[in-house]
């Protein structure tokens, strides 16, 4: 939040690997 009137937001997207089913 170091900028004036601006924030940086981290958005995570969790999904399974198509072949191995590990959550990425």
PDBML (XML) file of the C-alpha atoms, coordinates in Angstrom:
<?xml version="1.0" encoding="UTF-8" ?>
<PDBx:datablock datablockName="MODEL"
   xmlns:PDBx="http://pdbml.pdb.org/schema/pdbx-v50.xsd"
   xmlns:xsi="http://www.w3.org/2001/XMLSchema-instance"
   xsi:schemaLocation="http://pdbml.pdb.org/schema/pdbx-v50.xsd pdbx-v50.xsd">
   <PDBx:atom_siteCategory>
      <PDBx:atom_site id="1">
         <PDBx:B_iso_or_equiv>0.00</PDBx:B_iso_or_equiv>
         <PDBx:Cartn_x>0.000</PDBx:Cartn_x>
         <PDBx:Cartn_y>0.000</PDBx:Cartn_y>
         <PDBx:Cartn_z>0.000</PDBx:Cartn_z>
         <PDBx:auth_asym_id>A</PDBx:auth_asym_id>
         <PDBx:auth_atom_id>CA</PDBx:auth_atom_id>
         <PDBx:auth_comp_id>UNK</PDBx:auth_comp_id>
         <PDBx:auth_seq_id>1</PDBx:auth_seq_id>
         <PDBx:group_PDB>ATOM</PDBx:group_PDB>
         <PDBx:label_alt_id xsi:nil="true" />
         <PDBx:label_asym_id>A</PDBx:label_asym_id>
         <PDBx:label_atom_id>CA</PDBx:label_atom_id>
         <PDBx:label_comp_id>UNK</PDBx:label_comp_id>
         <PDBx:label_entity_id>1</PDBx:label_entity_id>
         <PDBx:label_seq_id>1</PDBx:label_seq_id>
         <PDBx:occupancy>1.00</PDBx:occupancy>
         <PDBx:pdbx_PDB_model_num>1</PDBx:pdbx_PDB_model_num>
         <PDBx:type_symbol>C</PDBx:type_symbol>
      </PDBx:atom_site>
      <PDBx:atom_site id="2">
         <PDBx:B_iso_or_equiv>0.00</PDBx:B_iso_or_equiv>
         <PDBx:Cartn_x>3.016</PDBx:Cartn_x>
         <PDBx:Cartn_y>2.253</PDBx:Cartn_y>
         <PDBx:Cartn_z>-0.547</PDBx:Cartn_z>
         <PDBx:auth_asym_id>A</PDBx:auth_asym_id>
         <PDBx:auth_atom_id>CA</PDBx:auth_atom_id>
         <PDBx:auth_comp_id>UNK</PDBx:auth_comp_id>
         <PDBx:auth_seq_id>2</PDBx:auth_seq_id>
         <PDBx:group_PDB>ATOM</PDBx:group_PDB>
         <PDBx:label_alt_id xsi:nil="true" />
         <PDBx:label_asym_id>A</PDBx:label_asym_id>
         <PDBx:label_atom_id>CA</PDBx:label_atom_id>
         <PDBx:label_comp_id>UNK</PDBx:label_comp_id>
         <PDBx:label_entity_id>1</PDBx:label_entity_id>
         <PDBx:label_seq_id>2</PDBx:label_seq_id>
         <PDBx:occupancy>1.00</PDBx:occupancy>
         <PDBx:pdbx_PDB_model_num>1</PDBx:pdbx_PDB_model_num>
         <PDBx:type_symbol>C</PDBx:type_symbol>
      </PDBx:atom_site>
      <PDBx:atom_site id="3">
         <PDBx:B_iso_or_equiv>0.00</PDBx:B_iso_or_equiv>
         <PDBx:Cartn_x>1.530</PDBx:Cartn_x>
         <PDBx:Cartn_y>4.190</PDBx:Cartn_y>
         <PDBx:Cartn_z>-3.488</PDBx:Cartn_z>
         <PDBx:auth_asym_id>A</PDBx:auth_asym_id>
         <PDBx:auth_atom_id>CA</PDBx:auth_atom_id>
         <PDBx:auth_comp_id>UNK</PDBx:auth_comp_id>
         <PDBx:auth_seq_id>3</PDBx:auth_seq_id>
         <PDBx:group_PDB>ATOM</PDBx:group_PDB>
         <PDBx:label_alt_id xsi:nil="true" />
         <PDBx:label_asym_id>A</PDBx:label_asym_id>
         <PDBx:label_atom_id>CA</PDBx:label_atom_id>
         <PDBx:label_comp_id>UNK</PDBx:label_comp_id>
         <PDBx:label_entity_id>1</PDBx:label_entity_id>
         <PDBx:label_seq_id>3</PDBx:label_seq_id>
         <PDBx:occupancy>1.00</PDBx:occupancy>
         <PDBx:pdbx_PDB_model_num>1</PDBx:pdbx_PDB_model_num>
         <PDBx:type_symbol>C</PDBx:type_symbol>
      </PDBx:atom_site>
      <PDBx:atom_site id="4">
         <PDBx:B_iso_or_equiv>0.00</PDBx:B_iso_or_equiv>
         <PDBx:Cartn_x>-0.965</PDBx:Cartn_x>
         <PDBx:Cartn_y>7.028</PDBx:Cartn_y>
         <PDBx:Cartn_z>-3.165</PDBx:Cartn_z>
         <PDBx:auth_asym_id>A</PDBx:auth_asym_id>
         <PDBx:auth_atom_id>CA</PDBx:auth_atom_id>
         <PDBx:auth_comp_id>UNK</PDBx:auth_comp_id>
         <PDBx:auth_seq_id>4</PDBx:auth_seq_id>
         <PDBx:group_PDB>ATOM</PDBx:group_PDB>
         <PDBx:label_alt_id xsi:nil="true" />
         <PDBx:label_asym_id>A</PDBx:label_asym_id>
         <PDBx:label_atom_id>CA</PDBx:label_atom_id>
         <PDBx:label_comp_id>UNK</PDBx:label_comp_id>
         <PDBx:label_entity_id>1</PDBx:label_entity_id>
         <PDBx:label_seq_id>4</PDBx:label_seq_id>
         <PDBx:occupancy>1.00</PDBx:occupancy>
         <PDBx:pdbx_PDB_model_num>1</PDBx:pdbx_PDB_model_num>
         <PDBx:type_symbol>C</PDBx:type_symbol>
      </PDBx:atom_site>
      <PDBx:atom_site id="5">
         <PDBx:B_iso_or_equiv>0.00</PDBx:B_iso_or_equiv>
         <PDBx:Cartn_x>-4.566</PDBx:Cartn_x>
         <PDBx:Cartn_y>5.773</PDBx:Cartn_y>
         <PDBx:Cartn_z>-3.576</PDBx:Cartn_z>
         <PDBx:auth_asym_id>A</PDBx:auth_asym_id>
         <PDBx:auth_atom_id>CA</PDBx:auth_atom_id>
         <PDBx:auth_comp_id>UNK</PDBx:auth_comp_id>
         <PDBx:auth_seq_id>5</PDBx:auth_seq_id>
         <PDBx:group_PDB>ATOM</PDBx:group_PDB>
         <PDBx:label_alt_id xsi:nil="true" />
         <PDBx:label_asym_id>A</PDBx:label_asym_id>
         <PDBx:label_atom_id>CA</PDBx:label_atom_id>
         <PDBx:label_comp_id>UNK</PDBx:label_comp_id>
         <PDBx:label_entity_id>1</PDBx:label_entity_id>
         <PDBx:label_seq_id>5</PDBx:label_seq_id>
         <PDBx:occupancy>1.00</PDBx:occupancy>
         <PDBx:pdbx_PDB_model_num>1</PDBx:pdbx_PDB_model_num>
         <PDBx:type_symbol>C</PDBx:type_symbol>
      </PDBx:atom_site>
      <PDBx:atom_site id="6">
         <PDBx:B_iso_or_equiv>0.00</PDBx:B_iso_or_equiv>
         <PDBx:Cartn_x>-3.276</PDBx:Cartn_x>
         <PDBx:Cartn_y>2.465</PDBx:Cartn_y>
         <PDBx:Cartn_z>-5.000</PDBx:Cartn_z>
         <PDBx:auth_asym_id>A</PDBx:auth_asym_id>
         <PDBx:auth_atom_id>CA</PDBx:auth_atom_id>
         <PDBx:auth_comp_id>UNK</PDBx:auth_comp_id>
         <PDBx:auth_seq_id>6</PDBx:auth_seq_id>
         <PDBx:group_PDB>ATOM</PDBx:group_PDB>
         <PDBx:label_alt_id xsi:nil="true" />
         <PDBx:label_asym_id>A</PDBx:label_asym_id>
         <PDBx:label_atom_id>CA</PDBx:label_atom_id>
         <PDBx:label_comp_id>UNK</PDBx:label_comp_id>
         <PDBx:label_entity_id>1</PDBx:label_entity_id>
         <PDBx:label_seq_id>6</PDBx:label_seq_id>
         <PDBx:occupancy>1.00</PDBx:occupancy>
         <PDBx:pdbx_PDB_model_num>1</PDBx:pdbx_PDB_model_num>
         <PDBx:type_symbol>C</PDBx:type_symbol>
      </PDBx:atom_site>
      <PDBx:atom_site id="7">
         <PDBx:B_iso_or_equiv>0.00</PDBx:B_iso_or_equiv>
         <PDBx:Cartn_x>-2.875</PDBx:Cartn_x>
         <PDBx:Cartn_y>-1.000</PDBx:Cartn_y>
         <PDBx:Cartn_z>-3.502</PDBx:Cartn_z>
         <PDBx:auth_asym_id>A</PDBx:auth_asym_id>
         <PDBx:auth_atom_id>CA</PDBx:auth_atom_id>
         <PDBx:auth_comp_id>UNK</PDBx:auth_comp_id>
         <PDBx:auth_seq_id>7</PDBx:auth_seq_id>
         <PDBx:group_PDB>ATOM</PDBx:group_PDB>
         <PDBx:label_alt_id xsi:nil="true" />
         <PDBx:label_asym_id>A</PDBx:label_asym_id>
         <PDBx:label_atom_id>CA</PDBx:label_atom_id>
         <PDBx:label_comp_id>UNK</PDBx:label_comp_id>
         <PDBx:label_entity_id>1</PDBx:label_entity_id>
         <PDBx:label_seq_id>7</PDBx:label_seq_id>
         <PDBx:occupancy>1.00</PDBx:occupancy>
         <PDBx:pdbx_PDB_model_num>1</PDBx:pdbx_PDB_model_num>
         <PDBx:type_symbol>C</PDBx:type_symbol>
      </PDBx:atom_site>
      <PDBx:atom_site id="8">
         <PDBx:B_iso_or_equiv>0.00</PDBx:B_iso_or_equiv>
         <PDBx:Cartn_x>-1.331</PDBx:Cartn_x>
         <PDBx:Cartn_y>-4.182</PDBx:Cartn_y>
         <PDBx:Cartn_z>-4.893</PDBx:Cartn_z>
         <PDBx:auth_asym_id>A</PDBx:auth_asym_id>
         <PDBx:auth_atom_id>CA</PDBx:auth_atom_id>
         <PDBx:auth_comp_id>UNK</PDBx:auth_comp_id>
         <PDBx:auth_seq_id>8</PDBx:auth_seq_id>
         <PDBx:group_PDB>ATOM</PDBx:group_PDB>
         <PDBx:label_alt_id xsi:nil="true" />
         <PDBx:label_asym_id>A</PDBx:label_asym_id>
         <PDBx:label_atom_id>CA</PDBx:label_atom_id>
         <PDBx:label_comp_id>UNK</PDBx:label_comp_id>
         <PDBx:label_entity_id>1</PDBx:label_entity_id>
         <PDBx:label_seq_id>8</PDBx:label_seq_id>
         <PDBx:occupancy>1.00</PDBx:occupancy>
         <PDBx:pdbx_PDB_model_num>1</PDBx:pdbx_PDB_model_num>
         <PDBx:type_symbol>C</PDBx:type_symbol>
      </PDBx:atom_site>
      <PDBx:atom_site id="9">
         <PDBx:B_iso_or_equiv>0.00</PDBx:B_iso_or_equiv>
         <PDBx:Cartn_x>-3.647</PDBx:Cartn_x>
         <PDBx:Cartn_y>-7.188</PDBx:Cartn_y>
         <PDBx:Cartn_z>-4.441</PDBx:Cartn_z>
         <PDBx:auth_asym_id>A</PDBx:auth_asym_id>
         <PDBx:auth_atom_id>CA</PDBx:auth_atom_id>
         <PDBx:auth_comp_id>UNK</PDBx:auth_comp_id>
         <PDBx:auth_seq_id>9</PDBx:auth_seq_id>
         <PDBx:group_PDB>ATOM</PDBx:group_PDB>
         <PDBx:label_alt_id xsi:nil="true" />
         <PDBx:label_asym_id>A</PDBx:label_asym_id>
         <PDBx:label_atom_id>CA</PDBx:label_atom_id>
         <PDBx:label_comp_id>UNK</PDBx:label_comp_id>
         <PDBx:label_entity_id>1</PDBx:label_entity_id>
         <PDBx:label_seq_id>9</PDBx:label_seq_id>
         <PDBx:occupancy>1.00</PDBx:occupancy>
         <PDBx:pdbx_PDB_model_num>1</PDBx:pdbx_PDB_model_num>
         <PDBx:type_symbol>C</PDBx:type_symbol>
      </PDBx:atom_site>
      <PDBx:atom_site id="10">
         <PDBx:B_iso_or_equiv>0.00</PDBx:B_iso_or_equiv>
         <PDBx:Cartn_x>-2.477</PDBx:Cartn_x>
         <PDBx:Cartn_y>-10.821</PDBx:Cartn_y>
         <PDBx:Cartn_z>-4.714</PDBx:Cartn_z>
         <PDBx:auth_asym_id>A</PDBx:auth_asym_id>
         <PDBx:auth_atom_id>CA</PDBx:auth_atom_id>
         <PDBx:auth_comp_id>UNK</PDBx:auth_comp_id>
         <PDBx:auth_seq_id>10</PDBx:auth_seq_id>
         <PDBx:group_PDB>ATOM</PDBx:group_PDB>
         <PDBx:label_alt_id xsi:nil="true" />
         <PDBx:label_asym_id>A</PDBx:label_asym_id>
         <PDBx:label_atom_id>CA</PDBx:label_atom_id>
         <PDBx:label_comp_id>UNK</PDBx:label_comp_id>
         <PDBx:label_entity_id>1</PDBx:label_entity_id>
         <PDBx:label_seq_id>10</PDBx:label_seq_id>
         <PDBx:occupancy>1.00</PDBx:occupancy>
         <PDBx:pdbx_PDB_model_num>1</PDBx:pdbx_PDB_model_num>
         <PDBx:type_symbol>C</PDBx:type_symbol>
      </PDBx:atom_site>
      <PDBx:atom_site id="11">
         <PDBx:B_iso_or_equiv>0.00</PDBx:B_iso_or_equiv>
         <PDBx:Cartn_x>-5.137</PDBx:Cartn_x>
         <PDBx:Cartn_y>-13.181</PDBx:Cartn_y>
         <PDBx:Cartn_z>-6.070</PDBx:Cartn_z>
         <PDBx:auth_asym_id>A</PDBx:auth_asym_id>
         <PDBx:auth_atom_id>CA</PDBx:auth_atom_id>
         <PDBx:auth_comp_id>UNK</PDBx:auth_comp_id>
         <PDBx:auth_seq_id>11</PDBx:auth_seq_id>
         <PDBx:group_PDB>ATOM</PDBx:group_PDB>
         <PDBx:label_alt_id xsi:nil="true" />
         <PDBx:label_asym_id>A</PDBx:label_asym_id>
         <PDBx:label_atom_id>CA</PDBx:label_atom_id>
         <PDBx:label_comp_id>UNK</PDBx:label_comp_id>
         <PDBx:label_entity_id>1</PDBx:label_entity_id>
         <PDBx:label_seq_id>11</PDBx:label_seq_id>
         <PDBx:occupancy>1.00</PDBx:occupancy>
         <PDBx:pdbx_PDB_model_num>1</PDBx:pdbx_PDB_model_num>
         <PDBx:type_symbol>C</PDBx:type_symbol>
      </PDBx:atom_site>
      <PDBx:atom_site id="12">
         <PDBx:B_iso_or_equiv>0.00</PDBx:B_iso_or_equiv>
         <PDBx:Cartn_x>-4.595</PDBx:Cartn_x>
         <PDBx:Cartn_y>-16.958</PDBx:Cartn_y>
         <PDBx:Cartn_z>-5.902</PDBx:Cartn_z>
         <PDBx:auth_asym_id>A</PDBx:auth_asym_id>
         <PDBx:auth_atom_id>CA</PDBx:auth_atom_id>
         <PDBx:auth_comp_id>UNK</PDBx:auth_comp_id>
         <PDBx:auth_seq_id>12</PDBx:auth_seq_id>
         <PDBx:group_PDB>ATOM</PDBx:group_PDB>
         <PDBx:label_alt_id xsi:nil="true" />
         <PDBx:label_asym_id>A</PDBx:label_asym_id>
         <PDBx:label_atom_id>CA</PDBx:label_atom_id>
         <PDBx:label_comp_id>UNK</PDBx:label_comp_id>
         <PDBx:label_entity_id>1</PDBx:label_entity_id>
         <PDBx:label_seq_id>12</PDBx:label_seq_id>
         <PDBx:occupancy>1.00</PDBx:occupancy>
         <PDBx:pdbx_PDB_model_num>1</PDBx:pdbx_PDB_model_num>
         <PDBx:type_symbol>C</PDBx:type_symbol>
      </PDBx:atom_site>
      <PDBx:atom_site id="13">
         <PDBx:B_iso_or_equiv>0.00</PDBx:B_iso_or_equiv>
         <PDBx:Cartn_x>-6.265</PDBx:Cartn_x>
         <PDBx:Cartn_y>-19.426</PDBx:Cartn_y>
         <PDBx:Cartn_z>-8.260</PDBx:Cartn_z>
         <PDBx:auth_asym_id>A</PDBx:auth_asym_id>
         <PDBx:auth_atom_id>CA</PDBx:auth_atom_id>
         <PDBx:auth_comp_id>UNK</PDBx:auth_comp_id>
         <PDBx:auth_seq_id>13</PDBx:auth_seq_id>
         <PDBx:group_PDB>ATOM</PDBx:group_PDB>
         <PDBx:label_alt_id xsi:nil="true" />
         <PDBx:label_asym_id>A</PDBx:label_asym_id>
         <PDBx:label_atom_id>CA</PDBx:label_atom_id>
         <PDBx:label_comp_id>UNK</PDBx:label_comp_id>
         <PDBx:label_entity_id>1</PDBx:label_entity_id>
         <PDBx:label_seq_id>13</PDBx:label_seq_id>
         <PDBx:occupancy>1.00</PDBx:occupancy>
         <PDBx:pdbx_PDB_model_num>1</PDBx:pdbx_PDB_model_num>
         <PDBx:type_symbol>C</PDBx:type_symbol>
      </PDBx:atom_site>
      <PDBx:atom_site id="14">
         <PDBx:B_iso_or_equiv>0.00</PDBx:B_iso_or_equiv>
         <PDBx:Cartn_x>-6.196</PDBx:Cartn_x>
         <PDBx:Cartn_y>-23.086</PDBx:Cartn_y>
         <PDBx:Cartn_z>-7.099</PDBx:Cartn_z>
         <PDBx:auth_asym_id>A</PDBx:auth_asym_id>
         <PDBx:auth_atom_id>CA</PDBx:auth_atom_id>
         <PDBx:auth_comp_id>UNK</PDBx:auth_comp_id>
         <PDBx:auth_seq_id>14</PDBx:auth_seq_id>
         <PDBx:group_PDB>ATOM</PDBx:group_PDB>
         <PDBx:label_alt_id xsi:nil="true" />
         <PDBx:label_asym_id>A</PDBx:label_asym_id>
         <PDBx:label_atom_id>CA</PDBx:label_atom_id>
         <PDBx:label_comp_id>UNK</PDBx:label_comp_id>
         <PDBx:label_entity_id>1</PDBx:label_entity_id>
         <PDBx:label_seq_id>14</PDBx:label_seq_id>
         <PDBx:occupancy>1.00</PDBx:occupancy>
         <PDBx:pdbx_PDB_model_num>1</PDBx:pdbx_PDB_model_num>
         <PDBx:type_symbol>C</PDBx:type_symbol>
      </PDBx:atom_site>
      <PDBx:atom_site id="15">
         <PDBx:B_iso_or_equiv>0.00</PDBx:B_iso_or_equiv>
         <PDBx:Cartn_x>-6.899</PDBx:Cartn_x>
         <PDBx:Cartn_y>-25.834</PDBx:Cartn_y>
         <PDBx:Cartn_z>-9.611</PDBx:Cartn_z>
         <PDBx:auth_asym_id>A</PDBx:auth_asym_id>
         <PDBx:auth_atom_id>CA</PDBx:auth_atom_id>
         <PDBx:auth_comp_id>UNK</PDBx:auth_comp_id>
         <PDBx:auth_seq_id>15</PDBx:auth_seq_id>
         <PDBx:group_PDB>ATOM</PDBx:group_PDB>
         <PDBx:label_alt_id xsi:nil="true" />
         <PDBx:label_asym_id>A</PDBx:label_asym_id>
         <PDBx:label_atom_id>CA</PDBx:label_atom_id>
         <PDBx:label_comp_id>UNK</PDBx:label_comp_id>
         <PDBx:label_entity_id>1</PDBx:label_entity_id>
         <PDBx:label_seq_id>15</PDBx:label_seq_id>
         <PDBx:occupancy>1.00</PDBx:occupancy>
         <PDBx:pdbx_PDB_model_num>1</PDBx:pdbx_PDB_model_num>
         <PDBx:type_symbol>C</PDBx:type_symbol>
      </PDBx:atom_site>
      <PDBx:atom_site id="16">
         <PDBx:B_iso_or_equiv>0.00</PDBx:B_iso_or_equiv>
         <PDBx:Cartn_x>-6.033</PDBx:Cartn_x>
         <PDBx:Cartn_y>-29.537</PDBx:Cartn_y>
         <PDBx:Cartn_z>-10.028</PDBx:Cartn_z>
         <PDBx:auth_asym_id>A</PDBx:auth_asym_id>
         <PDBx:auth_atom_id>CA</PDBx:auth_atom_id>
         <PDBx:auth_comp_id>UNK</PDBx:auth_comp_id>
         <PDBx:auth_seq_id>16</PDBx:auth_seq_id>
         <PDBx:group_PDB>ATOM</PDBx:group_PDB>
         <PDBx:label_alt_id xsi:nil="true" />
         <PDBx:label_asym_id>A</PDBx:label_asym_id>
         <PDBx:label_atom_id>CA</PDBx:label_atom_id>
         <PDBx:label_comp_id>UNK</PDBx:label_comp_id>
         <PDBx:label_entity_id>1</PDBx:label_entity_id>
         <PDBx:label_seq_id>16</PDBx:label_seq_id>
         <PDBx:occupancy>1.00</PDBx:occupancy>
         <PDBx:pdbx_PDB_model_num>1</PDBx:pdbx_PDB_model_num>
         <PDBx:type_symbol>C</PDBx:type_symbol>
      </PDBx:atom_site>
      <PDBx:atom_site id="17">
         <PDBx:B_iso_or_equiv>0.00</PDBx:B_iso_or_equiv>
         <PDBx:Cartn_x>-3.419</PDBx:Cartn_x>
         <PDBx:Cartn_y>-30.664</PDBx:Cartn_y>
         <PDBx:Cartn_z>-12.527</PDBx:Cartn_z>
         <PDBx:auth_asym_id>A</PDBx:auth_asym_id>
         <PDBx:auth_atom_id>CA</PDBx:auth_atom_id>
         <PDBx:auth_comp_id>UNK</PDBx:auth_comp_id>
         <PDBx:auth_seq_id>17</PDBx:auth_seq_id>
         <PDBx:group_PDB>ATOM</PDBx:group_PDB>
         <PDBx:label_alt_id xsi:nil="true" />
         <PDBx:label_asym_id>A</PDBx:label_asym_id>
         <PDBx:label_atom_id>CA</PDBx:label_atom_id>
         <PDBx:label_comp_id>UNK</PDBx:label_comp_id>
         <PDBx:label_entity_id>1</PDBx:label_entity_id>
         <PDBx:label_seq_id>17</PDBx:label_seq_id>
         <PDBx:occupancy>1.00</PDBx:occupancy>
         <PDBx:pdbx_PDB_model_num>1</PDBx:pdbx_PDB_model_num>
         <PDBx:type_symbol>C</PDBx:type_symbol>
      </PDBx:atom_site>
      <PDBx:atom_site id="18">
         <PDBx:B_iso_or_equiv>0.00</PDBx:B_iso_or_equiv>
         <PDBx:Cartn_x>-5.245</PDBx:Cartn_x>
         <PDBx:Cartn_y>-32.327</PDBx:Cartn_y>
         <PDBx:Cartn_z>-15.458</PDBx:Cartn_z>
         <PDBx:auth_asym_id>A</PDBx:auth_asym_id>
         <PDBx:auth_atom_id>CA</PDBx:auth_atom_id>
         <PDBx:auth_comp_id>UNK</PDBx:auth_comp_id>
         <PDBx:auth_seq_id>18</PDBx:auth_seq_id>
         <PDBx:group_PDB>ATOM</PDBx:group_PDB>
         <PDBx:label_alt_id xsi:nil="true" />
         <PDBx:label_asym_id>A</PDBx:label_asym_id>
         <PDBx:label_atom_id>CA</PDBx:label_atom_id>
         <PDBx:label_comp_id>UNK</PDBx:label_comp_id>
         <PDBx:label_entity_id>1</PDBx:label_entity_id>
         <PDBx:label_seq_id>18</PDBx:label_seq_id>
         <PDBx:occupancy>1.00</PDBx:occupancy>
         <PDBx:pdbx_PDB_model_num>1</PDBx:pdbx_PDB_model_num>
         <PDBx:type_symbol>C</PDBx:type_symbol>
      </PDBx:atom_site>
      <PDBx:atom_site id="19">
         <PDBx:B_iso_or_equiv>0.00</PDBx:B_iso_or_equiv>
         <PDBx:Cartn_x>-3.208</PDBx:Cartn_x>
         <PDBx:Cartn_y>-35.550</PDBx:Cartn_y>
         <PDBx:Cartn_z>-15.379</PDBx:Cartn_z>
         <PDBx:auth_asym_id>A</PDBx:auth_asym_id>
         <PDBx:auth_atom_id>CA</PDBx:auth_atom_id>
         <PDBx:auth_comp_id>UNK</PDBx:auth_comp_id>
         <PDBx:auth_seq_id>19</PDBx:auth_seq_id>
         <PDBx:group_PDB>ATOM</PDBx:group_PDB>
         <PDBx:label_alt_id xsi:nil="true" />
         <PDBx:label_asym_id>A</PDBx:label_asym_id>
         <PDBx:label_atom_id>CA</PDBx:label_atom_id>
         <PDBx:label_comp_id>UNK</PDBx:label_comp_id>
         <PDBx:label_entity_id>1</PDBx:label_entity_id>
         <PDBx:label_seq_id>19</PDBx:label_seq_id>
         <PDBx:occupancy>1.00</PDBx:occupancy>
         <PDBx:pdbx_PDB_model_num>1</PDBx:pdbx_PDB_model_num>
         <PDBx:type_symbol>C</PDBx:type_symbol>
      </PDBx:atom_site>
      <PDBx:atom_site id="20">
         <PDBx:B_iso_or_equiv>0.00</PDBx:B_iso_or_equiv>
         <PDBx:Cartn_x>-1.707</PDBx:Cartn_x>
         <PDBx:Cartn_y>-35.839</PDBx:Cartn_y>
         <PDBx:Cartn_z>-11.872</PDBx:Cartn_z>
         <PDBx:auth_asym_id>A</PDBx:auth_asym_id>
         <PDBx:auth_atom_id>CA</PDBx:auth_atom_id>
         <PDBx:auth_comp_id>UNK</PDBx:auth_comp_id>
         <PDBx:auth_seq_id>20</PDBx:auth_seq_id>
         <PDBx:group_PDB>ATOM</PDBx:group_PDB>
         <PDBx:label_alt_id xsi:nil="true" />
         <PDBx:label_asym_id>A</PDBx:label_asym_id>
         <PDBx:label_atom_id>CA</PDBx:label_atom_id>
         <PDBx:label_comp_id>UNK</PDBx:label_comp_id>
         <PDBx:label_entity_id>1</PDBx:label_entity_id>
         <PDBx:label_seq_id>20</PDBx:label_seq_id>
         <PDBx:occupancy>1.00</PDBx:occupancy>
         <PDBx:pdbx_PDB_model_num>1</PDBx:pdbx_PDB_model_num>
         <PDBx:type_symbol>C</PDBx:type_symbol>
      </PDBx:atom_site>
      <PDBx:atom_site id="21">
         <PDBx:B_iso_or_equiv>0.00</PDBx:B_iso_or_equiv>
         <PDBx:Cartn_x>-4.542</PDBx:Cartn_x>
         <PDBx:Cartn_y>-34.274</PDBx:Cartn_y>
         <PDBx:Cartn_z>-9.787</PDBx:Cartn_z>
         <PDBx:auth_asym_id>A</PDBx:auth_asym_id>
         <PDBx:auth_atom_id>CA</PDBx:auth_atom_id>
         <PDBx:auth_comp_id>UNK</PDBx:auth_comp_id>
         <PDBx:auth_seq_id>21</PDBx:auth_seq_id>
         <PDBx:group_PDB>ATOM</PDBx:group_PDB>
         <PDBx:label_alt_id xsi:nil="true" />
         <PDBx:label_asym_id>A</PDBx:label_asym_id>
         <PDBx:label_atom_id>CA</PDBx:label_atom_id>
         <PDBx:label_comp_id>UNK</PDBx:label_comp_id>
         <PDBx:label_entity_id>1</PDBx:label_entity_id>
         <PDBx:label_seq_id>21</PDBx:label_seq_id>
         <PDBx:occupancy>1.00</PDBx:occupancy>
         <PDBx:pdbx_PDB_model_num>1</PDBx:pdbx_PDB_model_num>
         <PDBx:type_symbol>C</PDBx:type_symbol>
      </PDBx:atom_site>
      <PDBx:atom_site id="22">
         <PDBx:B_iso_or_equiv>0.00</PDBx:B_iso_or_equiv>
         <PDBx:Cartn_x>-2.077</PDBx:Cartn_x>
         <PDBx:Cartn_y>-32.295</PDBx:Cartn_y>
         <PDBx:Cartn_z>-7.665</PDBx:Cartn_z>
         <PDBx:auth_asym_id>A</PDBx:auth_asym_id>
         <PDBx:auth_atom_id>CA</PDBx:auth_atom_id>
         <PDBx:auth_comp_id>UNK</PDBx:auth_comp_id>
         <PDBx:auth_seq_id>22</PDBx:auth_seq_id>
         <PDBx:group_PDB>ATOM</PDBx:group_PDB>
         <PDBx:label_alt_id xsi:nil="true" />
         <PDBx:label_asym_id>A</PDBx:label_asym_id>
         <PDBx:label_atom_id>CA</PDBx:label_atom_id>
         <PDBx:label_comp_id>UNK</PDBx:label_comp_id>
         <PDBx:label_entity_id>1</PDBx:label_entity_id>
         <PDBx:label_seq_id>22</PDBx:label_seq_id>
         <PDBx:occupancy>1.00</PDBx:occupancy>
         <PDBx:pdbx_PDB_model_num>1</PDBx:pdbx_PDB_model_num>
         <PDBx:type_symbol>C</PDBx:type_symbol>
      </PDBx:atom_site>
      <PDBx:atom_site id="23">
         <PDBx:B_iso_or_equiv>0.00</PDBx:B_iso_or_equiv>
         <PDBx:Cartn_x>-3.490</PDBx:Cartn_x>
         <PDBx:Cartn_y>-28.940</PDBx:Cartn_y>
         <PDBx:Cartn_z>-6.567</PDBx:Cartn_z>
         <PDBx:auth_asym_id>A</PDBx:auth_asym_id>
         <PDBx:auth_atom_id>CA</PDBx:auth_atom_id>
         <PDBx:auth_comp_id>UNK</PDBx:auth_comp_id>
         <PDBx:auth_seq_id>23</PDBx:auth_seq_id>
         <PDBx:group_PDB>ATOM</PDBx:group_PDB>
         <PDBx:label_alt_id xsi:nil="true" />
         <PDBx:label_asym_id>A</PDBx:label_asym_id>
         <PDBx:label_atom_id>CA</PDBx:label_atom_id>
         <PDBx:label_comp_id>UNK</PDBx:label_comp_id>
         <PDBx:label_entity_id>1</PDBx:label_entity_id>
         <PDBx:label_seq_id>23</PDBx:label_seq_id>
         <PDBx:occupancy>1.00</PDBx:occupancy>
         <PDBx:pdbx_PDB_model_num>1</PDBx:pdbx_PDB_model_num>
         <PDBx:type_symbol>C</PDBx:type_symbol>
      </PDBx:atom_site>
      <PDBx:atom_site id="24">
         <PDBx:B_iso_or_equiv>0.00</PDBx:B_iso_or_equiv>
         <PDBx:Cartn_x>-1.608</PDBx:Cartn_x>
         <PDBx:Cartn_y>-26.115</PDBx:Cartn_y>
         <PDBx:Cartn_z>-8.272</PDBx:Cartn_z>
         <PDBx:auth_asym_id>A</PDBx:auth_asym_id>
         <PDBx:auth_atom_id>CA</PDBx:auth_atom_id>
         <PDBx:auth_comp_id>UNK</PDBx:auth_comp_id>
         <PDBx:auth_seq_id>24</PDBx:auth_seq_id>
         <PDBx:group_PDB>ATOM</PDBx:group_PDB>
         <PDBx:label_alt_id xsi:nil="true" />
         <PDBx:label_asym_id>A</PDBx:label_asym_id>
         <PDBx:label_atom_id>CA</PDBx:label_atom_id>
         <PDBx:label_comp_id>UNK</PDBx:label_comp_id>
         <PDBx:label_entity_id>1</PDBx:label_entity_id>
         <PDBx:label_seq_id>24</PDBx:label_seq_id>
         <PDBx:occupancy>1.00</PDBx:occupancy>
         <PDBx:pdbx_PDB_model_num>1</PDBx:pdbx_PDB_model_num>
         <PDBx:type_symbol>C</PDBx:type_symbol>
      </PDBx:atom_site>
   </PDBx:atom_siteCategory>
</PDBx:datablock>
